[in-house]
C-alpha atoms as a PDB file:
ATOM      1  CA  MET A   1     101.206 332.137  58.968  1.00  0.00           C
ATOM      2  CA  LEU A   2      98.126 330.135  59.922  1.00  0.00           C
ATOM      3  CA  ALA A   3      98.573 327.748  56.992  1.00  0.00           C
ATOM      4  CA  ALA A   4     102.175 327.083  58.035  1.00  0.00           C
ATOM      5  CA  SER A   5     100.996 326.489  61.582  1.00  0.00           C
ATOM      6  CA  ILE A   6      98.422 323.972  60.349  1.00  0.00           C
ATOM      7  CA  ILE A   7     101.075 322.070  58.400  1.00  0.00           C
ATOM      8  CA  GLY A   8     103.193 321.883  61.523  1.00  0.00           C
ATOM      9  CA  LEU A   9     100.263 320.663  63.585  1.00  0.00           C
ATOM     10  CA  SER A  10      99.433 318.007  60.997  1.00  0.00           C
ATOM     11  CA  LEU A  11     102.976 316.681  61.183  1.00  0.00           C
ATOM     12  CA  PHE A  12     102.813 316.791  64.966  1.00  0.00           C
ATOM     13  CA  ALA A  13      99.719 314.598  64.820  1.00  0.00           C
ATOM     14  CA  LEU A  14     101.983 311.615  64.209  1.00  0.00           C
ATOM     15  CA  ALA A  15     103.686 312.157  67.559  1.00  0.00           C
ATOM     16  CA  ALA A  16     100.427 312.939  69.369  1.00  0.00           C
ATOM     17  CA  ASP A  17      98.539 309.935  68.001  1.00  0.00           C
ATOM     18  CA  PRO A  18      97.083 308.076  71.014  1.00  0.00           C
ATOM     19  CA  SER A  19      96.953 304.816  69.088  1.00  0.00           C
ATOM     20  CA  ALA A  20     100.718 305.051  68.587  1.00  0.00           C
ATOM     21  CA  ALA A  21     101.344 306.145  72.184  1.00  0.00           C
ATOM     22  CA  GLN A  22      99.527 303.166  73.664  1.00  0.00           C
ATOM     23  CA  VAL A  23     101.604 300.006  73.948  1.00  0.00           C
ATOM     24  CA  PRO A  24      99.625 296.766  74.181  1.00  0.00           C
ATOM     25  CA  PRO A  25     101.491 293.767  75.566  1.00  0.00           C
ATOM     26  CA  SER A  26     103.863 292.343  72.976  1.00  0.00           C
ATOM     27  CA  ALA A  27     103.979 288.700  71.964  1.00  0.00           C
ATOM     28  CA  ALA A  28     107.104 288.243  74.106  1.00  0.00           C
ATOM     29  CA  GLU A  29     105.440 289.837  77.127  1.00  0.00           C
ATOM     30  CA  ARG A  30     102.348 287.691  76.705  1.00  0.00           C
ATOM     31  CA  THR A  31     104.448 284.554  76.585  1.00  0.00           C
ATOM     32  CA  ALA A  32     106.327 285.586  79.733  1.00  0.00           C
ATOM     33  CA  TYR A  33     103.235 286.448  81.754  1.00  0.00           C
ATOM     34  CA  SER A  34     102.382 284.375  84.814  1.00  0.00           C
ATOM     35  CA  GLY A  35      99.777 284.499  87.536  1.00  0.00           C
ATOM     36  CA  LEU A  36      96.986 287.032  87.159  1.00  0.00           C
ATOM     37  CA  HIS A  37      98.553 288.722  84.147  1.00  0.00           C
ATOM     38  CA  ALA A  38      98.577 285.392  82.302  1.00  0.00           C
ATOM     39  CA  ALA A  39      95.015 284.628  83.352  1.00  0.00           C
ATOM     40  CA  ALA A  40      93.879 288.086  82.244  1.00  0.00           C
ATOM     41  CA  GLU A  41      95.652 287.784  78.883  1.00  0.00           C
ATOM     42  CA  ARG A  42      93.888 284.521  78.072  1.00  0.00           C
ATOM     43  CA  GLY A  43      90.572 285.604  79.593  1.00  0.00           C
ATOM     44  CA  ASP A  44      90.480 282.916  82.284  1.00  0.00           C
ATOM     45  CA  ALA A  45      87.986 284.275  84.812  1.00  0.00           C
ATOM     46  CA  ARG A  46      88.045 281.106  86.922  1.00  0.00           C
ATOM     47  CA  ALA A  47      91.810 281.280  87.352  1.00  0.00           C
ATOM     48  CA  ILE A  48      91.513 284.939  88.315  1.00  0.00           C
ATOM     49  CA  THR A  49      88.957 284.171  90.989  1.00  0.00           C
ATOM     50  CA  ALA A  50      91.068 281.314  92.316  1.00  0.00           C
ATOM     51  CA  GLN A  51      94.302 283.330  92.415  1.00  0.00           C
ATOM     52  CA  ALA A  52      92.966 286.701  93.564  1.00  0.00           C
ATOM     53  CA  ALA A  53      92.973 285.808  97.258  1.00  0.00           C
ATOM     54  CA  ARG A  54      96.713 285.132  97.257  1.00  0.00           C
ATOM     55  CA  SER A  55      97.928 287.594  94.611  1.00  0.00           C
ATOM     56  CA  SER A  56      97.756 291.356  94.186  1.00  0.00           C
ATOM     57  CA  VAL A  57      95.005 292.133  91.707  1.00  0.00           C
ATOM     58  CA  ASP A  58      96.805 295.399  90.921  1.00  0.00           C
ATOM     59  CA  ALA A  59     100.260 293.903  90.314  1.00  0.00           C
ATOM     60  CA  ARG A  60     102.220 295.668  87.559  1.00  0.00           C
ATOM     61  CA  ASP A  61     104.127 294.293  84.607  1.00  0.00           C
ATOM     62  CA  GLY A  62     107.247 295.947  83.192  1.00  0.00           C
ATOM     63  CA  ARG A  63     105.240 298.729  81.569  1.00  0.00           C
ATOM     64  CA  GLY A  64     103.027 299.370  84.560  1.00  0.00           C
ATOM     65  CA  ARG A  65     100.028 297.433  83.290  1.00  0.00           C
ATOM     66  CA  THR A  66      97.778 295.738  85.819  1.00  0.00           C
ATOM     67  CA  PRO A  67      95.957 292.517  84.910  1.00  0.00           C
ATOM     68  CA  LEU A  68      92.867 294.657  84.268  1.00  0.00           C
ATOM     69  CA  HIS A  69      94.743 296.744  81.689  1.00  0.00           C
ATOM     70  CA  VAL A  70      95.874 293.558  79.981  1.00  0.00           C
ATOM     71  CA  ALA A  71      92.324 292.196  79.913  1.00  0.00           C
ATOM     72  CA  ALA A  72      91.055 295.485  78.447  1.00  0.00           C
ATOM     73  CA  TYR A  73      93.718 295.563  75.730  1.00  0.00           C
ATOM     74  CA  PHE A  74      92.535 292.154  74.520  1.00  0.00           C
ATOM     75  CA  GLY A  75      88.812 292.586  75.186  1.00  0.00           C
ATOM     76  CA  ARG A  76      88.689 289.789  77.777  1.00  0.00           C
ATOM     77  CA  HIS A  77      85.356 290.773  79.286  1.00  0.00           C
ATOM     78  CA  GLU A  78      84.853 287.925  81.735  1.00  0.00           C
ATOM     79  CA  ALA A  79      88.370 288.467  83.011  1.00  0.00           C
ATOM     80  CA  MET A  80      87.617 292.172  83.460  1.00  0.00           C
ATOM     81  CA  ARG A  81      84.516 291.348  85.467  1.00  0.00           C
ATOM     82  CA  ALA A  82      86.381 288.836  87.613  1.00  0.00           C
ATOM     83  CA  LEU A  83      89.206 291.284  88.342  1.00  0.00           C
ATOM     84  CA  ALA A  84      86.790 294.066  89.270  1.00  0.00           C
ATOM     85  CA  ALA A  85      84.870 291.678  91.535  1.00  0.00           C
ATOM     86  CA  ALA A  86      88.178 290.769  93.209  1.00  0.00           C
ATOM     87  CA  GLY A  87      88.846 294.423  94.023  1.00  0.00           C
ATOM     88  CA  ALA A  88      91.006 295.628  91.137  1.00  0.00           C
ATOM     89  CA  ASP A  89      91.372 299.405  90.831  1.00  0.00           C
ATOM     90  CA  VAL A  90      89.254 300.102  87.752  1.00  0.00           C
ATOM     91  CA  ASN A  91      90.642 303.644  87.448  1.00  0.00           C
ATOM     92  CA  ALA A  92      94.315 302.661  87.605  1.00  0.00           C
ATOM     93  CA  LEU A  93      96.659 304.197  85.039  1.00  0.00           C
ATOM     94  CA  GLU A  94      99.315 302.069  83.337  1.00  0.00           C
ATOM     95  CA  GLY A  95     102.859 303.234  82.653  1.00  0.00           C
ATOM     96  CA  ASP A  96     101.858 305.467  79.734  1.00  0.00           C
ATOM     97  CA  ARG A  97      98.995 306.832  81.878  1.00  0.00           C
ATOM     98  CA  TYR A  98      96.107 305.145  80.107  1.00  0.00           C
ATOM     99  CA  ASP A  99      93.097 303.766  81.957  1.00  0.00           C
ATOM    100  CA  ILE A 100      90.815 301.030  80.665  1.00  0.00           C
ATOM    101  CA  VAL A 101      88.285 303.542  79.299  1.00  0.00           C
ATOM    102  CA  THR A 102      90.931 305.281  77.197  1.00  0.00           C
ATOM    103  CA  ILE A 103      92.361 301.939  76.066  1.00  0.00           C
ATOM    104  CA  ALA A 104      88.911 300.909  74.798  1.00  0.00           C
ATOM    105  CA  ALA A 105      88.208 304.360  73.319  1.00  0.00           C
ATOM    106  CA  VAL A 106      91.430 304.384  71.290  1.00  0.00           C
ATOM    107  CA  ALA A 107      90.726 300.851  70.050  1.00  0.00           C
ATOM    108  CA  ASN A 108      87.186 301.902  69.010  1.00  0.00           C
ATOM    109  CA  ASP A 109      85.991 298.934  71.061  1.00  0.00           C
ATOM    110  CA  LEU A 110      82.476 299.902  72.112  1.00  0.00           C
ATOM    111  CA  ALA A 111      81.742 296.669  73.985  1.00  0.00           C
ATOM    112  CA  THR A 112      84.876 296.945  76.124  1.00  0.00           C
ATOM    113  CA  LEU A 113      84.238 300.655  76.680  1.00  0.00           C
ATOM    114  CA  GLU A 114      80.691 299.990  77.837  1.00  0.00           C
ATOM    115  CA  LEU A 115      81.924 297.345  80.248  1.00  0.00           C
ATOM    116  CA  ALA A 116      84.752 299.548  81.561  1.00  0.00           C
ATOM    117  CA  LEU A 117      82.238 302.290  82.339  1.00  0.00           C
ATOM    118  CA  ALA A 118      79.834 299.797  83.935  1.00  0.00           C
ATOM    119  CA  LEU A 119      82.637 298.539  86.180  1.00  0.00           C
ATOM    120  CA  GLY A 120      83.171 302.084  87.470  1.00  0.00           C
ATOM    121  CA  CYS A 121      86.010 303.508  85.404  1.00  0.00           C
ATOM    122  CA  SER A 122      85.320 307.218  84.978  1.00  0.00           C
ATOM    123  CA  ALA A 123      85.046 308.997  81.648  1.00  0.00           C
ATOM    124  CA  LYS A 124      86.359 312.067  83.493  1.00  0.00           C
ATOM    125  CA  ASN A 125      89.822 310.628  84.187  1.00  0.00           C
ATOM    126  CA  ILE A 126      92.842 312.647  83.035  1.00  0.00           C
ATOM    127  CA  THR A 127      94.955 310.247  81.028  1.00  0.00           C
ATOM    128  CA  SER A 128      98.005 309.968  78.750  1.00  0.00           C
ATOM    129  CA  ARG A 129     101.227 311.937  78.534  1.00  0.00           C
ATOM    130  CA  TYR A 130      99.144 314.773  77.084  1.00  0.00           C
ATOM    131  CA  ASP A 131      96.992 315.195  80.221  1.00  0.00           C
ATOM    132  CA  GLY A 132      93.979 314.536  78.050  1.00  0.00           C
ATOM    133  CA  THR A 133      90.845 312.451  78.304  1.00  0.00           C
ATOM    134  CA  ALA A 134      89.380 309.451  76.546  1.00  0.00           C
ATOM    135  CA  LEU A 135      87.045 311.881  74.758  1.00  0.00           C
ATOM    136  CA  ILE A 136      89.920 313.882  73.293  1.00  0.00           C
ATOM    137  CA  ALA A 137      91.647 310.700  72.130  1.00  0.00           C
ATOM    138  CA  ALA A 138      88.458 309.430  70.497  1.00  0.00           C
ATOM    139  CA  ALA A 139      87.811 312.806  68.829  1.00  0.00           C
ATOM    140  CA  HIS A 140      91.351 312.806  67.424  1.00  0.00           C
ATOM    141  CA  LEU A 141      90.742 309.397  65.848  1.00  0.00           C
ATOM    142  CA  GLY A 142      87.210 310.103  64.618  1.00  0.00           C
ATOM    143  CA  HIS A 143      85.574 307.404  66.717  1.00  0.00           C
ATOM    144  CA  ALA A 144      82.155 309.041  66.700  1.00  0.00           C
ATOM    145  CA  GLU A 145      80.171 306.312  68.459  1.00  0.00           C
ATOM    146  CA  VAL A 146      82.781 306.163  71.198  1.00  0.00           C
ATOM    147  CA  VAL A 147      82.525 309.944  71.514  1.00  0.00           C
ATOM    148  CA  ARG A 148      78.757 309.680  71.953  1.00  0.00           C
ATOM    149  CA  MET A 149      79.098 307.000  74.619  1.00  0.00           C
ATOM    150  CA  LEU A 150      81.675 309.038  76.525  1.00  0.00           C
ATOM    151  CA  ILE A 151      79.517 312.158  76.344  1.00  0.00           C
ATOM    152  CA  LYS A 152      76.581 310.225  77.809  1.00  0.00           C
ATOM    153  CA  SER A 153      78.904 309.044  80.577  1.00  0.00           C
ATOM    154  CA  GLY A 154      79.829 312.580  81.613  1.00  0.00           C
ATOM    155  CA  ALA A 155      83.147 313.097  79.852  1.00  0.00           C
ATOM    156  CA  PRO A 156      84.239 316.747  80.166  1.00  0.00           C
ATOM    157  CA  LEU A 157      83.419 318.394  76.844  1.00  0.00           C
ATOM    158  CA  ASP A 158      85.844 321.302  77.092  1.00  0.00           C
ATOM    159  CA  HIS A 159      88.877 319.808  78.821  1.00  0.00           C
ATOM    160  CA  ILE A 160      92.095 321.345  77.502  1.00  0.00           C
ATOM    161  CA  ASN A 161      95.106 319.037  77.311  1.00  0.00           C
ATOM    162  CA  ASN A 162      98.731 320.065  77.756  1.00  0.00           C
ATOM    163  CA  LEU A 163      98.982 320.784  74.026  1.00  0.00           C
ATOM    164  CA  GLY A 164      96.319 323.461  74.479  1.00  0.00           C
ATOM    165  CA  TRP A 165      93.679 321.509  72.549  1.00  0.00           C
ATOM    166  CA  THR A 166      90.089 320.481  73.252  1.00  0.00           C
ATOM    167  CA  ALA A 167      88.213 317.560  71.716  1.00  0.00           C
ATOM    168  CA  VAL A 168      86.680 319.992  69.200  1.00  0.00           C
ATOM    169  CA  ILE A 169      90.090 321.294  68.157  1.00  0.00           C
ATOM    170  CA  GLU A 170      91.540 317.795  67.831  1.00  0.00           C
ATOM    171  CA  ALA A 171      88.621 316.682  65.666  1.00  0.00           C
ATOM    172  CA  VAL A 172      89.451 319.573  63.328  1.00  0.00           C
ATOM    173  CA  VAL A 173      93.237 319.841  63.434  1.00  0.00           C
ATOM    174  CA  LEU A 174      94.164 316.181  63.774  1.00  0.00           C
ATOM    175  CA  GLY A 175      91.273 314.756  61.765  1.00  0.00           C
ATOM    176  CA  ASP A 176      91.046 314.303  58.010  1.00  0.00           C
ATOM    177  CA  GLY A 177      87.885 316.329  57.483  1.00  0.00           C
ATOM    178  CA  GLY A 178      86.013 313.225  56.328  1.00  0.00           C
ATOM    179  CA  SER A 179      82.716 311.744  57.435  1.00  0.00           C
ATOM    180  CA  ARG A 180      84.044 310.168  60.644  1.00  0.00           C
ATOM    181  CA  HIS A 181      85.533 313.389  61.959  1.00  0.00           C
ATOM    182  CA  GLN A 182      82.525 315.393  60.785  1.00  0.00           C
ATOM    183  CA  ASP A 183      80.278 313.022  62.729  1.00  0.00           C
ATOM    184  CA  THR A 184      82.560 313.355  65.738  1.00  0.00           C
ATOM    185  CA  LEU A 185      82.467 317.156  65.593  1.00  0.00           C
ATOM    186  CA  ARG A 186      78.697 317.103  65.146  1.00  0.00           C
ATOM    187  CA  ALA A 187      78.292 314.984  68.292  1.00  0.00           C
ATOM    188  CA  LEU A 188      80.540 317.279  70.333  1.00  0.00           C
ATOM    189  CA  LEU A 189      78.779 320.461  69.248  1.00  0.00           C
ATOM    190  CA  ALA A 190      75.311 318.953  69.724  1.00  0.00           C
ATOM    191  CA  ALA A 191      76.279 318.048  73.287  1.00  0.00           C
ATOM    192  CA  GLY A 192      77.273 321.648  73.995  1.00  0.00           C
ATOM    193  CA  ALA A 193      81.037 321.692  73.506  1.00  0.00           C
ATOM    194  CA  ASN A 194      82.310 325.267  73.328  1.00  0.00           C
ATOM    195  CA  PRO A 195      83.007 326.161  69.667  1.00  0.00           C
ATOM    196  CA  ASN A 196      85.084 329.209  70.586  1.00  0.00           C
ATOM    197  CA  LEU A 197      87.839 327.859  72.830  1.00  0.00           C
ATOM    198  CA  ALA A 198      91.021 328.807  71.004  1.00  0.00           C
ATOM    199  CA  ASP A 199      94.363 327.052  70.885  1.00  0.00           C
ATOM    200  CA  ARG A 200      97.540 328.513  72.363  1.00  0.00           C
ATOM    201  CA  THR A 201      98.093 330.692  69.307  1.00  0.00           C
ATOM    202  CA  GLY A 202      94.621 332.192  69.610  1.00  0.00           C
ATOM    203  CA  GLN A 203      93.168 330.283  66.651  1.00  0.00           C
ATOM    204  CA  THR A 204      89.550 329.251  67.124  1.00  0.00           C
ATOM    205  CA  PRO A 205      88.090 325.988  65.806  1.00  0.00           C
ATOM    206  CA  LEU A 206      86.387 328.004  63.040  1.00  0.00           C
ATOM    207  CA  ALA A 207      89.666 329.556  61.926  1.00  0.00           C
ATOM    208  CA  LEU A 208      91.384 326.186  62.036  1.00  0.00           C
ATOM    209  CA  ALA A 209      88.626 324.513  59.992  1.00  0.00           C
ATOM    210  CA  ARG A 210      88.828 327.300  57.401  1.00  0.00           C
ATOM    211  CA  ALA A 211      92.593 326.966  57.202  1.00  0.00           C
ATOM    212  CA  ARG A 212      92.298 323.229  56.632  1.00  0.00           C
ATOM    213  CA  ARG A 213      89.628 323.804  53.984  1.00  0.00           C
ATOM    214  CA  PHE A 214      87.012 321.669  55.684  1.00  0.00           C
ATOM    215  CA  PRO A 215      83.796 323.389  54.524  1.00  0.00           C
ATOM    216  CA  GLN A 216      81.425 321.000  56.284  1.00  0.00           C
ATOM    217  CA  MET A 217      83.182 321.607  59.577  1.00  0.00           C
ATOM    218  CA  VAL A 218      83.183 325.367  58.959  1.00  0.00           C
ATOM    219  CA  GLU A 219      79.433 325.240  58.493  1.00  0.00           C
ATOM    220  CA  MET A 220      78.856 323.134  61.626  1.00  0.00           C
ATOM    221  CA  ILE A 221      81.007 325.352  63.816  1.00  0.00           C
ATOM    222  CA  SER A 222      79.417 328.528  62.445  1.00  0.00           C
ATOM    223  CA  LYS A 223      75.912 327.217  63.117  1.00  0.00           C
ATOM    224  CA  ALA A 224      76.978 326.340  66.666  1.00  0.00           C
ATOM    225  CA  GLY A 225      78.001 329.955  67.266  1.00  0.00           C
ATOM    226  CA  GLY A 226      81.669 329.658  66.402  1.00  0.00           C
ATOM    227  CA  ARG A 227      83.520 332.833  65.560  1.00  0.00           C
END
């Protein structure tokens, strides 16, 4: 029964993949941008400063992205700074409910993540259609250095998303058991993430790691007190 459940969860990972759920501006959208969205897309901080007084810094495109979201998607750091200085809402969620921290976390873009946090975007924000966090998204993808940065920034270690999963569970169930996801799990457990929070079926991270035949993860979870 558990093995069948794991197979189903692995297939579901395709639908739950945050990198697939996020939608960066397309080539057509980028070409059609004007005003602050266009300035953000090309990283033109001077144009942003000049236009901010007469334009809404939190204007939305067709998918609910503000200029700051656009700048984050493309790693336009000077544009991000200029928009924040002009009063942009650094914690705004775009149409798919991603903030700039989660955008950077999913992209494994440490420099943009560091800047987003420095500008005041919170690692505690509830984001995405899964009511998750940037930490859960990063754990899913095995972005261990991102996970460490988010932990240092106060990301909630044991948040449970609307799938019933924590960052620890996603690192196990939606990971590949390789070095990246092992490193991710190690960082979470070292920071104090609860190794015994079960999923909706009552399966603990230890049981899930055993079912997936991830011996290194089994050992880590057991040493952390997992049952």
